[in-house]
PDB file of all heavy atoms in Angstrom:
ATOM      1  N   GLN A   1     -11.973  -2.956  29.585  1.00  0.00           N
ATOM      2  CA  GLN A   1     -12.201  -1.593  29.127  1.00  0.00           C
ATOM      3  C   GLN A   1     -11.004  -1.057  28.349  1.00  0.00           C
ATOM      4  O   GLN A   1     -11.154  -0.407  27.314  1.00  0.00           O
ATOM      5  CB  GLN A   1     -12.499  -0.669  30.323  1.00  0.00           C
ATOM      6  CG  GLN A   1     -13.858  -0.907  30.955  1.00  0.00           C
ATOM      7  CD  GLN A   1     -14.995  -0.739  29.950  1.00  0.00           C
ATOM      8  OE1 GLN A   1     -15.055   0.244  29.207  1.00  0.00           O
ATOM      9  NE2 GLN A   1     -15.914  -1.701  29.933  1.00  0.00           N
ATOM     10  N   GLU A   2      -9.811  -1.342  28.858  1.00  0.00           N
ATOM     11  CA  GLU A   2      -8.601  -0.890  28.184  1.00  0.00           C
ATOM     12  C   GLU A   2      -8.458  -1.543  26.803  1.00  0.00           C
ATOM     13  O   GLU A   2      -8.068  -0.889  25.827  1.00  0.00           O
ATOM     14  CB  GLU A   2      -7.364  -1.198  29.034  1.00  0.00           C
ATOM     15  CG  GLU A   2      -7.206  -0.345  30.279  1.00  0.00           C
ATOM     16  CD  GLU A   2      -8.085  -0.799  31.440  1.00  0.00           C
ATOM     17  OE1 GLU A   2      -8.803  -1.815  31.294  1.00  0.00           O
ATOM     18  OE2 GLU A   2      -8.058  -0.139  32.486  1.00  0.00           O
ATOM     19  N   LEU A   3      -8.797  -2.823  26.720  1.00  0.00           N
ATOM     20  CA  LEU A   3      -8.693  -3.525  25.443  1.00  0.00           C
ATOM     21  C   LEU A   3      -9.758  -3.061  24.447  1.00  0.00           C
ATOM     22  O   LEU A   3      -9.526  -3.075  23.237  1.00  0.00           O
ATOM     23  CB  LEU A   3      -8.803  -5.039  25.655  1.00  0.00           C
ATOM     24  CG  LEU A   3      -7.545  -5.730  26.177  1.00  0.00           C
ATOM     25  CD1 LEU A   3      -7.776  -7.222  26.340  1.00  0.00           C
ATOM     26  CD2 LEU A   3      -6.366  -5.494  25.229  1.00  0.00           C
ATOM     27  N   LYS A   4     -10.906  -2.642  24.960  1.00  0.00           N
ATOM     28  CA  LYS A   4     -11.950  -2.125  24.076  1.00  0.00           C
ATOM     29  C   LYS A   4     -11.458  -0.860  23.372  1.00  0.00           C
ATOM     30  O   LYS A   4     -11.625  -0.698  22.152  1.00  0.00           O
ATOM     31  CB  LYS A   4     -13.217  -1.825  24.885  1.00  0.00           C
ATOM     32  CG  LYS A   4     -14.379  -1.340  24.036  1.00  0.00           C
ATOM     33  CD  LYS A   4     -15.626  -1.119  24.894  1.00  0.00           C
ATOM     34  CE  LYS A   4     -16.792  -0.622  24.039  1.00  0.00           C
ATOM     35  NZ  LYS A   4     -18.009  -0.404  24.871  1.00  0.00           N
ATOM     36  N   LYS A   5     -10.832   0.027  24.124  1.00  0.00           N
ATOM     37  CA  LYS A   5     -10.282   1.247  23.537  1.00  0.00           C
ATOM     38  C   LYS A   5      -9.145   0.918  22.584  1.00  0.00           C
ATOM     39  O   LYS A   5      -9.064   1.437  21.469  1.00  0.00           O
ATOM     40  CB  LYS A   5      -9.786   2.178  24.639  1.00  0.00           C
ATOM     41  CG  LYS A   5      -9.128   3.445  24.111  1.00  0.00           C
ATOM     42  CD  LYS A   5      -8.649   4.339  25.245  1.00  0.00           C
ATOM     43  CE  LYS A   5      -7.982   5.600  24.677  1.00  0.00           C
ATOM     44  NZ  LYS A   5      -7.504   6.500  25.770  1.00  0.00           N
ATOM     45  N   LEU A   6      -8.248   0.023  23.019  1.00  0.00           N
ATOM     46  CA  LEU A   6      -7.104  -0.341  22.188  1.00  0.00           C
ATOM     47  C   LEU A   6      -7.546  -1.006  20.892  1.00  0.00           C
ATOM     48  O   LEU A   6      -6.968  -0.751  19.828  1.00  0.00           O
ATOM     49  CB  LEU A   6      -6.165  -1.276  22.963  1.00  0.00           C
ATOM     50  CG  LEU A   6      -4.941  -1.779  22.193  1.00  0.00           C
ATOM     51  CD1 LEU A   6      -4.061  -0.617  21.743  1.00  0.00           C
ATOM     52  CD2 LEU A   6      -4.141  -2.752  23.054  1.00  0.00           C
ATOM     53  N   SER A   7      -8.565  -1.841  20.958  1.00  0.00           N
ATOM     54  CA  SER A   7      -9.053  -2.534  19.753  1.00  0.00           C
ATOM     55  C   SER A   7      -9.535  -1.544  18.704  1.00  0.00           C
ATOM     56  O   SER A   7      -9.288  -1.720  17.502  1.00  0.00           O
ATOM     57  CB  SER A   7     -10.181  -3.500  20.113  1.00  0.00           C
ATOM     58  OG  SER A   7      -9.706  -4.554  20.926  1.00  0.00           O
ATOM     59  N   ARG A   8     -10.218  -0.499  19.152  1.00  0.00           N
ATOM     60  CA  ARG A   8     -10.697   0.530  18.218  1.00  0.00           C
ATOM     61  C   ARG A   8      -9.519   1.219  17.531  1.00  0.00           C
ATOM     62  O   ARG A   8      -9.495   1.386  16.303  1.00  0.00           O
ATOM     63  CB  ARG A   8     -11.552   1.559  18.971  1.00  0.00           C
ATOM     64  CG  ARG A   8     -12.009   2.713  18.111  1.00  0.00           C
ATOM     65  CD  ARG A   8     -12.859   3.692  18.908  1.00  0.00           C
ATOM     66  NE  ARG A   8     -12.149   4.266  20.028  1.00  0.00           N
ATOM     67  CZ  ARG A   8     -11.317   5.312  19.924  1.00  0.00           C
ATOM     68  NH1 ARG A   8     -11.090   5.870  18.741  1.00  0.00           N
ATOM     69  NH2 ARG A   8     -10.718   5.794  20.998  1.00  0.00           N
ATOM     70  N   LEU A   9      -8.526   1.597  18.310  1.00  0.00           N
ATOM     71  CA  LEU A   9      -7.363   2.284  17.741  1.00  0.00           C
ATOM     72  C   LEU A   9      -6.516   1.355  16.886  1.00  0.00           C
ATOM     73  O   LEU A   9      -5.975   1.756  15.853  1.00  0.00           O
ATOM     74  CB  LEU A   9      -6.516   2.881  18.875  1.00  0.00           C
ATOM     75  CG  LEU A   9      -7.202   3.983  19.691  1.00  0.00           C
ATOM     76  CD1 LEU A   9      -6.353   4.364  20.892  1.00  0.00           C
ATOM     77  CD2 LEU A   9      -7.472   5.205  18.825  1.00  0.00           C
ATOM     78  N   ALA A  10      -6.412   0.086  17.303  1.00  0.00           N
ATOM     79  CA  ALA A  10      -5.637  -0.894  16.532  1.00  0.00           C
ATOM     80  C   ALA A  10      -6.274  -1.136  15.171  1.00  0.00           C
ATOM     81  O   ALA A  10      -5.584  -1.346  14.176  1.00  0.00           O
ATOM     82  CB  ALA A  10      -5.517  -2.202  17.308  1.00  0.00           C
ATOM     83  N   SER A  11      -7.602  -1.103  15.114  1.00  0.00           N
ATOM     84  CA  SER A  11      -8.308  -1.282  13.846  1.00  0.00           C
ATOM     85  C   SER A  11      -8.009  -0.118  12.891  1.00  0.00           C
ATOM     86  O   SER A  11      -7.764  -0.326  11.692  1.00  0.00           O
ATOM     87  CB  SER A  11      -9.815  -1.378  14.091  1.00  0.00           C
ATOM     88  OG  SER A  11     -10.517  -1.486  12.878  1.00  0.00           O
ATOM     89  N   ILE A  12      -8.001   1.103  13.416  1.00  0.00           N
ATOM     90  CA  ILE A  12      -7.666   2.272  12.601  1.00  0.00           C
ATOM     91  C   ILE A  12      -6.232   2.167  12.099  1.00  0.00           C
ATOM     92  O   ILE A  12      -5.947   2.400  10.922  1.00  0.00           O
ATOM     93  CB  ILE A  12      -7.852   3.565  13.418  1.00  0.00           C
ATOM     94  CG1 ILE A  12      -9.328   3.740  13.814  1.00  0.00           C
ATOM     95  CG2 ILE A  12      -7.359   4.776  12.645  1.00  0.00           C
ATOM     96  CD1 ILE A  12      -9.578   4.888  14.774  1.00  0.00           C
ATOM     97  N   PHE A  13      -5.326   1.790  12.996  1.00  0.00           N
ATOM     98  CA  PHE A  13      -3.918   1.643  12.628  1.00  0.00           C
ATOM     99  C   PHE A  13      -3.745   0.584  11.538  1.00  0.00           C
ATOM    100  O   PHE A  13      -3.035   0.793  10.556  1.00  0.00           O
ATOM    101  CB  PHE A  13      -3.105   1.263  13.869  1.00  0.00           C
ATOM    102  CG  PHE A  13      -1.649   1.022  13.599  1.00  0.00           C
ATOM    103  CD1 PHE A  13      -0.766   2.083  13.495  1.00  0.00           C
ATOM    104  CD2 PHE A  13      -1.162  -0.267  13.444  1.00  0.00           C
ATOM    105  CE1 PHE A  13       0.587   1.866  13.248  1.00  0.00           C
ATOM    106  CE2 PHE A  13       0.180  -0.493  13.192  1.00  0.00           C
ATOM    107  CZ  PHE A  13       1.061   0.581  13.094  1.00  0.00           C
ATOM    108  N   SER A  14      -4.403  -0.554  11.693  1.00  0.00           N
ATOM    109  CA  SER A  14      -4.285  -1.639  10.721  1.00  0.00           C
ATOM    110  C   SER A  14      -4.816  -1.223   9.360  1.00  0.00           C
ATOM    111  O   SER A  14      -4.274  -1.618   8.316  1.00  0.00           O
ATOM    112  CB  SER A  14      -5.037  -2.883  11.220  1.00  0.00           C
ATOM    113  OG  SER A  14      -4.434  -3.401  12.389  1.00  0.00           O
ATOM    114  N   ASN A  15      -5.888  -0.430   9.340  1.00  0.00           N
ATOM    115  CA  ASN A  15      -6.415   0.070   8.067  1.00  0.00           C
ATOM    116  C   ASN A  15      -5.395   0.955   7.366  1.00  0.00           C
ATOM    117  O   ASN A  15      -5.242   0.900   6.138  1.00  0.00           O
ATOM    118  CB  ASN A  15      -7.719   0.838   8.297  1.00  0.00           C
ATOM    119  CG  ASN A  15      -8.878  -0.067   8.647  1.00  0.00           C
ATOM    120  OD1 ASN A  15      -8.862  -1.261   8.341  1.00  0.00           O
ATOM    121  ND2 ASN A  15      -9.883   0.475   9.298  1.00  0.00           N
ATOM    122  N   HIS A  16      -4.691   1.782   8.135  1.00  0.00           N
ATOM    123  CA  HIS A  16      -3.632   2.623   7.567  1.00  0.00           C
ATOM    124  C   HIS A  16      -2.517   1.758   6.990  1.00  0.00           C
ATOM    125  O   HIS A  16      -1.991   2.041   5.908  1.00  0.00           O
ATOM    126  CB  HIS A  16      -3.071   3.560   8.633  1.00  0.00           C
ATOM    127  CG  HIS A  16      -3.907   4.770   8.894  1.00  0.00           C
ATOM    128  ND1 HIS A  16      -4.118   5.740   7.947  1.00  0.00           N
ATOM    129  CD2 HIS A  16      -4.575   5.174  10.001  1.00  0.00           C
ATOM    130  CE1 HIS A  16      -4.882   6.703   8.453  1.00  0.00           C
ATOM    131  NE2 HIS A  16      -5.177   6.374   9.696  1.00  0.00           N
ATOM    132  N   VAL A  17      -2.135   0.714   7.727  1.00  0.00           N
ATOM    133  CA  VAL A  17      -1.066  -0.177   7.265  1.00  0.00           C
ATOM    134  C   VAL A  17      -1.467  -0.844   5.952  1.00  0.00           C
ATOM    135  O   VAL A  17      -0.692  -0.884   4.995  1.00  0.00           O
ATOM    136  CB  VAL A  17      -0.733  -1.244   8.329  1.00  0.00           C
ATOM    137  CG1 VAL A  17       0.229  -2.294   7.759  1.00  0.00           C
ATOM    138  CG2 VAL A  17      -0.117  -0.587   9.563  1.00  0.00           C
ATOM    139  N   ARG A  18      -2.700  -1.380   5.921  1.00  0.00           N
ATOM    140  CA  ARG A  18      -3.155  -2.061   4.697  1.00  0.00           C
ATOM    141  C   ARG A  18      -3.210  -1.102   3.521  1.00  0.00           C
ATOM    142  O   ARG A  18      -2.870  -1.470   2.387  1.00  0.00           O
ATOM    143  CB  ARG A  18      -4.525  -2.698   4.945  1.00  0.00           C
ATOM    144  CG  ARG A  18      -4.468  -3.982   5.765  1.00  0.00           C
ATOM    145  CD  ARG A  18      -5.795  -4.720   5.714  1.00  0.00           C
ATOM    146  NE  ARG A  18      -6.846  -3.991   6.385  1.00  0.00           N
ATOM    147  CZ  ARG A  18      -7.134  -4.132   7.682  1.00  0.00           C
ATOM    148  NH1 ARG A  18      -6.443  -4.972   8.426  1.00  0.00           N
ATOM    149  NH2 ARG A  18      -8.121  -3.442   8.228  1.00  0.00           N
ATOM    150  N   ALA A  19      -3.650   0.126   3.770  1.00  0.00           N
ATOM    151  CA  ALA A  19      -3.723   1.107   2.686  1.00  0.00           C
ATOM    152  C   ALA A  19      -2.334   1.422   2.143  1.00  0.00           C
ATOM    153  O   ALA A  19      -2.133   1.503   0.921  1.00  0.00           O
ATOM    154  CB  ALA A  19      -4.397   2.390   3.182  1.00  0.00           C
ATOM    155  N   GLN A  20      -1.366   1.581   3.032  1.00  0.00           N
ATOM    156  CA  GLN A  20       0.004   1.844   2.596  1.00  0.00           C
ATOM    157  C   GLN A  20       0.574   0.659   1.832  1.00  0.00           C
ATOM    158  O   GLN A  20       1.203   0.822   0.784  1.00  0.00           O
ATOM    159  CB  GLN A  20       0.887   2.158   3.808  1.00  0.00           C
ATOM    160  CG  GLN A  20       0.670   3.528   4.400  1.00  0.00           C
ATOM    161  CD  GLN A  20       1.122   4.634   3.469  1.00  0.00           C
ATOM    162  OE1 GLN A  20       2.178   4.579   2.876  1.00  0.00           O
ATOM    163  NE2 GLN A  20       0.301   5.669   3.349  1.00  0.00           N
ATOM    164  N   GLN A  21       0.346  -0.540   2.365  1.00  0.00           N
ATOM    165  CA  GLN A  21       0.866  -1.734   1.706  1.00  0.00           C
ATOM    166  C   GLN A  21       0.245  -1.910   0.330  1.00  0.00           C
ATOM    167  O   GLN A  21       0.939  -2.236  -0.644  1.00  0.00           O
ATOM    168  CB  GLN A  21       0.592  -2.967   2.569  1.00  0.00           C
ATOM    169  CG  GLN A  21       1.428  -3.034   3.833  1.00  0.00           C
ATOM    170  CD  GLN A  21       1.014  -4.166   4.748  1.00  0.00           C
ATOM    171  OE1 GLN A  21      -0.145  -4.601   4.741  1.00  0.00           O
ATOM    172  NE2 GLN A  21       1.937  -4.648   5.552  1.00  0.00           N
ATOM    173  N   SER A  22      -1.069  -1.696   0.243  1.00  0.00           N
ATOM    174  CA  SER A  22      -1.763  -1.838  -1.027  1.00  0.00           C
ATOM    175  C   SER A  22      -1.262  -0.826  -2.045  1.00  0.00           C
ATOM    176  O   SER A  22      -1.018  -1.157  -3.212  1.00  0.00           O
ATOM    177  CB  SER A  22      -3.273  -1.671  -0.822  1.00  0.00           C
ATOM    178  OG  SER A  22      -3.961  -1.681  -2.053  1.00  0.00           O
ATOM    179  N   GLY A  23      -1.087   0.423  -1.605  1.00  0.00           N
ATOM    180  CA  GLY A  23      -0.621   1.457  -2.507  1.00  0.00           C
ATOM    181  C   GLY A  23       0.772   1.179  -3.037  1.00  0.00           C
ATOM    182  O   GLY A  23       1.030   1.295  -4.242  1.00  0.00           O
ATOM    183  N   ILE A  24       1.667   0.786  -2.145  1.00  0.00           N
ATOM    184  CA  ILE A  24       3.045   0.516  -2.560  1.00  0.00           C
ATOM    185  C   ILE A  24       3.108  -0.710  -3.454  1.00  0.00           C
ATOM    186  O   ILE A  24       3.806  -0.722  -4.477  1.00  0.00           O
ATOM    187  CB  ILE A  24       3.948   0.353  -1.321  1.00  0.00           C
ATOM    188  CG1 ILE A  24       4.092   1.701  -0.605  1.00  0.00           C
ATOM    189  CG2 ILE A  24       5.318  -0.196  -1.715  1.00  0.00           C
ATOM    190  CD1 ILE A  24       4.842   1.631   0.694  1.00  0.00           C
ATOM    191  N   THR A  25       2.361  -1.771  -3.084  1.00  0.00           N
ATOM    192  CA  THR A  25       2.364  -2.980  -3.898  1.00  0.00           C
ATOM    193  C   THR A  25       1.835  -2.693  -5.295  1.00  0.00           C
ATOM    194  O   THR A  25       2.398  -3.146  -6.299  1.00  0.00           O
ATOM    195  CB  THR A  25       1.512  -4.079  -3.235  1.00  0.00           C
ATOM    196  OG1 THR A  25       2.065  -4.389  -1.958  1.00  0.00           O
ATOM    197  CG2 THR A  25       1.490  -5.338  -4.086  1.00  0.00           C
ATOM    198  N   GLY A  26       0.741  -1.933  -5.369  1.00  0.00           N
ATOM    199  CA  GLY A  26       0.170  -1.588  -6.662  1.00  0.00           C
ATOM    200  C   GLY A  26       1.128  -0.775  -7.511  1.00  0.00           C
ATOM    201  O   GLY A  26       1.301  -1.039  -8.703  1.00  0.00           O
ATOM    202  N   GLU A  27       1.786   0.197  -6.909  1.00  0.00           N
ATOM    203  CA  GLU A  27       2.729   1.024  -7.651  1.00  0.00           C
ATOM    204  C   GLU A  27       3.953   0.230  -8.081  1.00  0.00           C
ATOM    205  O   GLU A  27       4.501   0.446  -9.167  1.00  0.00           O
ATOM    206  CB  GLU A  27       3.127   2.233  -6.802  1.00  0.00           C
ATOM    207  CG  GLU A  27       2.001   3.243  -6.634  1.00  0.00           C
ATOM    208  CD  GLU A  27       2.390   4.408  -5.756  1.00  0.00           C
ATOM    209  OE1 GLU A  27       3.570   4.460  -5.337  1.00  0.00           O
ATOM    210  OE2 GLU A  27       1.530   5.264  -5.481  1.00  0.00           O
ATOM    211  N   ASP A  28       4.404  -0.694  -7.236  1.00  0.00           N
ATOM    212  CA  ASP A  28       5.534  -1.551  -7.615  1.00  0.00           C
ATOM    213  C   ASP A  28       5.192  -2.380  -8.854  1.00  0.00           C
ATOM    214  O   ASP A  28       6.026  -2.561  -9.751  1.00  0.00           O
ATOM    215  CB  ASP A  28       5.923  -2.478  -6.464  1.00  0.00           C
ATOM    216  CG  ASP A  28       6.658  -1.747  -5.344  1.00  0.00           C
ATOM    217  OD1 ASP A  28       7.112  -0.614  -5.566  1.00  0.00           O
ATOM    218  OD2 ASP A  28       6.778  -2.325  -4.250  1.00  0.00           O
ATOM    219  N   ARG A  29       3.964  -2.875  -8.903  1.00  0.00           N
ATOM    220  CA  ARG A  29       3.545  -3.678 -10.057  1.00  0.00           C
ATOM    221  C   ARG A  29       3.455  -2.817 -11.309  1.00  0.00           C
ATOM    222  O   ARG A  29       3.837  -3.253 -12.399  1.00  0.00           O
ATOM    223  CB  ARG A  29       2.201  -4.350  -9.772  1.00  0.00           C
ATOM    224  CG  ARG A  29       2.248  -5.403  -8.670  1.00  0.00           C
ATOM    225  CD  ARG A  29       0.899  -6.057  -8.504  1.00  0.00           C
ATOM    226  NE  ARG A  29       0.532  -6.830  -9.699  1.00  0.00           N
ATOM    227  CZ  ARG A  29      -0.707  -7.175  -9.996  1.00  0.00           C
ATOM    228  NH1 ARG A  29      -1.715  -6.786  -9.212  1.00  0.00           N
ATOM    229  NH2 ARG A  29      -0.970  -7.894 -11.072  1.00  0.00           N
ATOM    230  N   VAL A  30       2.948  -1.598 -11.154  1.00  0.00           N
ATOM    231  CA  VAL A  30       2.878  -0.690 -12.301  1.00  0.00           C
ATOM    232  C   VAL A  30       4.281  -0.398 -12.817  1.00  0.00           C
ATOM    233  O   VAL A  30       4.526  -0.418 -14.040  1.00  0.00           O
ATOM    234  CB  VAL A  30       2.154   0.617 -11.919  1.00  0.00           C
ATOM    235  CG1 VAL A  30       2.322   1.662 -13.019  1.00  0.00           C
ATOM    236  CG2 VAL A  30       0.669   0.351 -11.669  1.00  0.00           C
ATOM    237  N   GLU A  31       5.205  -0.124 -11.920  1.00  0.00           N
ATOM    238  CA  GLU A  31       6.577   0.156 -12.336  1.00  0.00           C
ATOM    239  C   GLU A  31       7.184  -1.038 -13.071  1.00  0.00           C
ATOM    240  O   GLU A  31       7.912  -0.873 -14.053  1.00  0.00           O
ATOM    241  CB  GLU A  31       7.433   0.515 -11.120  1.00  0.00           C
ATOM    242  CG  GLU A  31       8.798   1.054 -11.482  1.00  0.00           C
ATOM    243  CD  GLU A  31       9.469   1.744 -10.310  1.00  0.00           C
ATOM    244  OE1 GLU A  31       9.350   1.237  -9.172  1.00  0.00           O
ATOM    245  OE2 GLU A  31      10.120   2.776 -10.530  1.00  0.00           O
ATOM    246  N   GLN A  32       6.862  -2.239 -12.595  1.00  0.00           N
ATOM    247  CA  GLN A  32       7.343  -3.443 -13.269  1.00  0.00           C
ATOM    248  C   GLN A  32       6.809  -3.516 -14.702  1.00  0.00           C
ATOM    249  O   GLN A  32       7.555  -3.789 -15.644  1.00  0.00           O
ATOM    250  CB  GLN A  32       6.922  -4.683 -12.489  1.00  0.00           C
ATOM    251  CG  GLN A  32       7.292  -5.990 -13.157  1.00  0.00           C
ATOM    252  CD  GLN A  32       6.696  -7.198 -12.441  1.00  0.00           C
ATOM    253  OE1 GLN A  32       6.068  -7.077 -11.391  1.00  0.00           O
ATOM    254  NE2 GLN A  32       6.868  -8.370 -13.021  1.00  0.00           N
ATOM    255  N   TYR A  33       5.519  -3.273 -14.867  1.00  0.00           N
ATOM    256  CA  TYR A  33       4.916  -3.355 -16.200  1.00  0.00           C
ATOM    257  C   TYR A  33       5.415  -2.245 -17.125  1.00  0.00           C
ATOM    258  O   TYR A  33       5.546  -2.459 -18.334  1.00  0.00           O
ATOM    259  CB  TYR A  33       3.390  -3.321 -16.100  1.00  0.00           C
ATOM    260  CG  TYR A  33       2.789  -4.697 -15.904  1.00  0.00           C
ATOM    261  CD1 TYR A  33       2.751  -5.289 -14.647  1.00  0.00           C
ATOM    262  CD2 TYR A  33       2.280  -5.414 -16.981  1.00  0.00           C
ATOM    263  CE1 TYR A  33       2.217  -6.552 -14.466  1.00  0.00           C
ATOM    264  CE2 TYR A  33       1.737  -6.681 -16.810  1.00  0.00           C
ATOM    265  CZ  TYR A  33       1.709  -7.245 -15.549  1.00  0.00           C
ATOM    266  OH  TYR A  33       1.193  -8.506 -15.375  1.00  0.00           O
ATOM    267  N   LEU A  34       5.692  -1.075 -16.573  1.00  0.00           N
ATOM    268  CA  LEU A  34       6.231  -0.007 -17.398  1.00  0.00           C
ATOM    269  C   LEU A  34       7.603  -0.394 -17.963  1.00  0.00           C
ATOM    270  O   LEU A  34       8.014   0.103 -19.016  1.00  0.00           O
ATOM    271  CB  LEU A  34       6.342   1.298 -16.595  1.00  0.00           C
ATOM    272  CG  LEU A  34       5.012   1.988 -16.275  1.00  0.00           C
ATOM    273  CD1 LEU A  34       5.247   3.172 -15.345  1.00  0.00           C
ATOM    274  CD2 LEU A  34       4.305   2.445 -17.552  1.00  0.00           C
ATOM    275  N   GLY A  35       8.269  -1.293 -17.279  1.00  0.00           N
ATOM    276  CA  GLY A  35       9.548  -1.790 -17.769  1.00  0.00           C
ATOM    277  C   GLY A  35       9.425  -2.631 -19.021  1.00  0.00           C
ATOM    278  O   GLY A  35      10.426  -2.911 -19.695  1.00  0.00           O
ATOM    279  N   TYR A  36       8.194  -3.041 -19.365  1.00  0.00           N
ATOM    280  CA  TYR A  36       7.962  -3.827 -20.579  1.00  0.00           C
ATOM    281  C   TYR A  36       7.764  -2.953 -21.812  1.00  0.00           C
ATOM    282  O   TYR A  36       7.607  -3.465 -22.921  1.00  0.00           O
ATOM    283  CB  TYR A  36       6.727  -4.719 -20.406  1.00  0.00           C
ATOM    284  CG  TYR A  36       6.822  -5.701 -19.262  1.00  0.00           C
ATOM    285  CD1 TYR A  36       5.675  -6.105 -18.576  1.00  0.00           C
ATOM    286  CD2 TYR A  36       8.035  -6.221 -18.851  1.00  0.00           C
ATOM    287  CE1 TYR A  36       5.738  -7.001 -17.527  1.00  0.00           C
ATOM    288  CE2 TYR A  36       8.121  -7.110 -17.794  1.00  0.00           C
ATOM    289  CZ  TYR A  36       6.968  -7.498 -17.132  1.00  0.00           C
ATOM    290  OH  TYR A  36       7.043  -8.389 -16.093  1.00  0.00           O
ATOM    291  N   MET A  37       7.771  -1.641 -21.638  1.00  0.00           N
ATOM    292  CA  MET A  37       7.595  -0.750 -22.784  1.00  0.00           C
ATOM    293  C   MET A  37       8.743  -0.929 -23.782  1.00  0.00           C
ATOM    294  O   MET A  37       9.901  -1.124 -23.401  1.00  0.00           O
ATOM    295  CB  MET A  37       7.526   0.707 -22.323  1.00  0.00           C
ATOM    296  CG  MET A  37       6.222   1.103 -21.659  1.00  0.00           C
ATOM    297  SD  MET A  37       6.252   2.830 -21.081  1.00  0.00           S
ATOM    298  CE  MET A  37       6.591   3.701 -22.613  1.00  0.00           C
ATOM    299  N   LYS A  38       8.421  -0.851 -25.059  1.00  0.00           N
ATOM    300  CA  LYS A  38       9.425  -1.017 -26.108  1.00  0.00           C
ATOM    301  C   LYS A  38      10.045   0.307 -26.530  1.00  0.00           C
ATOM    302  O   LYS A  38      11.174   0.340 -27.012  1.00  0.00           O
ATOM    303  CB  LYS A  38       8.795  -1.710 -27.316  1.00  0.00           C
ATOM    304  CG  LYS A  38       8.325  -3.130 -27.022  1.00  0.00           C
ATOM    305  CD  LYS A  38       7.693  -3.771 -28.250  1.00  0.00           C
ATOM    306  CE  LYS A  38       7.229  -5.188 -27.945  1.00  0.00           C
ATOM    307  NZ  LYS A  38       6.595  -5.839 -29.132  1.00  0.00           N
ATOM    308  N   SER A  39       9.302   1.383 -26.365  1.00  0.00           N
ATOM    309  CA  SER A  39       9.826   2.694 -26.771  1.00  0.00           C
ATOM    310  C   SER A  39      10.796   3.234 -25.723  1.00  0.00           C
ATOM    311  O   SER A  39      10.737   2.887 -24.543  1.00  0.00           O
ATOM    312  CB  SER A  39       8.675   3.682 -26.971  1.00  0.00           C
ATOM    313  OG  SER A  39       7.881   3.765 -25.797  1.00  0.00           O
ATOM    314  N   ASN A  40      11.687   4.093 -26.178  1.00  0.00           N
ATOM    315  CA  ASN A  40      12.630   4.751 -25.293  1.00  0.00           C
ATOM    316  C   ASN A  40      11.862   5.686 -24.357  1.00  0.00           C
ATOM    317  O   ASN A  40      11.074   6.519 -24.808  1.00  0.00           O
ATOM    318  CB  ASN A  40      13.645   5.539 -26.132  1.00  0.00           C
ATOM    319  CG  ASN A  40      14.789   6.046 -25.287  1.00  0.00           C
ATOM    320  OD1 ASN A  40      15.086   5.487 -24.244  1.00  0.00           O
ATOM    321  ND2 ASN A  40      15.424   7.117 -25.737  1.00  0.00           N
ATOM    322  N   HIS A  41      12.076   5.569 -23.061  1.00  0.00           N
ATOM    323  CA  HIS A  41      11.270   6.346 -22.120  1.00  0.00           C
ATOM    324  C   HIS A  41      12.014   6.542 -20.802  1.00  0.00           C
ATOM    325  O   HIS A  41      12.988   5.853 -20.506  1.00  0.00           O
ATOM    326  CB  HIS A  41       9.929   5.648 -21.857  1.00  0.00           C
ATOM    327  CG  HIS A  41      10.074   4.358 -21.101  1.00  0.00           C
ATOM    328  ND1 HIS A  41      10.445   3.179 -21.723  1.00  0.00           N
ATOM    329  CD2 HIS A  41       9.908   4.063 -19.783  1.00  0.00           C
ATOM    330  CE1 HIS A  41      10.495   2.217 -20.820  1.00  0.00           C
ATOM    331  NE2 HIS A  41      10.174   2.728 -19.644  1.00  0.00           N
ATOM    332  N   VAL A  42      11.495   7.473 -20.008  1.00  0.00           N
ATOM    333  CA  VAL A  42      11.969   7.720 -18.643  1.00  0.00           C
ATOM    334  C   VAL A  42      10.745   7.755 -17.734  1.00  0.00           C
ATOM    335  O   VAL A  42       9.722   8.361 -18.083  1.00  0.00           O
ATOM    336  CB  VAL A  42      12.741   9.048 -18.533  1.00  0.00           C
ATOM    337  CG1 VAL A  42      13.136   9.327 -17.081  1.00  0.00           C
ATOM    338  CG2 VAL A  42      13.985   9.019 -19.408  1.00  0.00           C
ATOM    339  N   VAL A  43      10.833   7.104 -16.576  1.00  0.00           N
ATOM    340  CA  VAL A  43       9.710   7.026 -15.635  1.00  0.00           C
ATOM    341  C   VAL A  43      10.045   7.811 -14.366  1.00  0.00           C
ATOM    342  O   VAL A  43      11.106   7.611 -13.769  1.00  0.00           O
ATOM    343  CB  VAL A  43       9.388   5.566 -15.265  1.00  0.00           C
ATOM    344  CG1 VAL A  43       8.288   5.522 -14.188  1.00  0.00           C
ATOM    345  CG2 VAL A  43       8.957   4.779 -16.492  1.00  0.00           C
TER     346      VAL A  43
END
């Protein structure tokens, strides 16, 4: 019974972790590509 409750909460927690990881990874890649710009710029 205790593990049933914990599994539900662990799934919610893991979804939050994946969302954060995905967001940061995606933004890191965007920042990398913005570094390929030829024009003078600030990000």
